[in-house]
Protein backbone atom coordinates (compact mmCIF):
# COMPACT_ATOMS: atom_id res chain seq x y z
CA UNK A 1 -10.51 45.62 -4.66
CA UNK A 2 -8.55 42.60 -5.84
CA UNK A 3 -5.35 43.78 -4.16
CA UNK A 4 -7.13 44.48 -0.90
CA UNK A 5 -8.89 41.10 -0.78
CA UNK A 6 -5.73 39.10 -1.39
CA UNK A 7 -5.10 38.45 2.31
CA UNK A 8 -8.60 36.95 2.64
CA UNK A 9 -7.45 34.09 0.48
CA UNK A 10 -3.91 33.37 1.57
CA UNK A 11 -4.06 34.15 5.31
CA UNK A 12 -6.10 32.41 7.95
CA UNK A 13 -8.59 34.68 9.70
CA UNK A 14 -6.82 34.26 13.04
CA UNK A 15 -3.68 35.79 11.45
CA UNK A 16 -5.49 38.91 10.23
CA UNK A 17 -4.62 42.22 11.79
CA UNK A 18 -7.39 44.38 13.26
CA UNK A 19 -7.28 46.56 10.16
CA UNK A 20 -7.57 43.50 7.89
CA UNK A 21 -10.59 42.27 9.87
CA UNK A 22 -12.33 45.59 9.39
CA UNK A 23 -11.49 45.64 5.70
CA UNK A 24 -12.68 42.06 5.26
CA UNK A 25 -16.09 42.98 6.66
CA UNK A 26 -16.38 45.85 4.18
CA UNK A 27 -15.18 43.71 1.27
CA UNK A 28 -17.55 40.88 2.13
CA UNK A 29 -20.43 43.35 2.25
CA UNK A 30 -19.51 44.56 -1.24
CA UNK A 31 -18.86 41.06 -2.59
CA UNK A 32 -20.53 38.19 -0.68
CA UNK A 33 -18.76 35.67 -2.90
CA UNK A 34 -15.53 36.47 -1.02
CA UNK A 35 -17.01 35.00 2.14
CA UNK A 36 -17.79 31.75 0.34
CA UNK A 37 -14.29 31.65 -1.18
CA UNK A 38 -12.76 32.17 2.25
CA UNK A 39 -14.90 29.43 3.82
CA UNK A 40 -14.02 26.98 1.05
CA UNK A 41 -10.35 27.76 1.52
CA UNK A 42 -10.62 27.08 5.26
CA UNK A 43 -12.38 23.76 4.61
CA UNK A 44 -9.74 22.76 2.05
CA UNK A 45 -6.90 23.57 4.43
CA UNK A 46 -8.55 21.54 7.20
CA UNK A 47 -8.94 18.53 4.90
CA UNK A 48 -5.33 18.86 3.75
CA UNK A 49 -4.05 19.17 7.34
CA UNK A 50 -6.05 16.17 8.50
CA UNK A 51 -4.77 14.10 5.58
CA UNK A 52 -1.17 15.02 6.36
CA UNK A 53 -1.68 14.27 10.05
CA UNK A 54 -3.25 10.89 9.27
CA UNK A 55 -0.41 9.98 6.92
CA UNK A 56 2.21 10.98 9.49
CA UNK A 57 0.50 8.97 12.23
CA UNK A 58 0.26 5.96 9.93
CA UNK A 59 3.95 6.23 9.05
CA UNK A 60 4.91 6.54 12.72
CA UNK A 61 2.86 3.44 13.52
CA UNK A 62 4.67 1.52 10.77
CA UNK A 63 8.05 2.58 12.18
CA UNK A 64 6.98 1.57 15.68
CA UNK A 65 5.80 -1.80 14.37
CA UNK A 66 9.06 -2.25 12.47
CA UNK A 67 11.11 -1.50 15.60
CA UNK A 68 8.97 -3.90 17.64
CA UNK A 69 9.60 -6.65 15.12
CA UNK A 70 13.34 -6.01 15.32
CA UNK A 71 13.54 -7.10 18.93
CA UNK A 72 15.86 -10.05 19.02
CA UNK A 73 17.52 -9.19 15.70
CA UNK A 74 21.27 -9.18 16.21
CA UNK A 75 22.43 -7.11 13.28
CA UNK A 76 20.36 -3.91 13.49
CA UNK A 77 22.99 -1.93 11.55
CA UNK A 78 21.85 -3.76 8.45
CA UNK A 79 18.25 -2.67 8.98
CA UNK A 80 18.93 0.94 9.96
CA UNK A 81 21.76 1.49 7.46
CA UNK A 82 23.94 3.30 10.00
């Protein structure tokens, strides 16, 4: 059962094949804890994705602010190290 339930943990449910969906229903019936594990994994991935997205947006805003502040600076090669 452990081998068969492996995809429940490392794949997202939208990436499951039809056969894997059917098997997941059977496995969850036999072991309801698998459903909870899968839901916790989904929640964790969503938190992780949102954190990465927030960090990337923050970094992009800092770059945009930095570029805005460079207007009027003559020697941009010094700042961009090109």
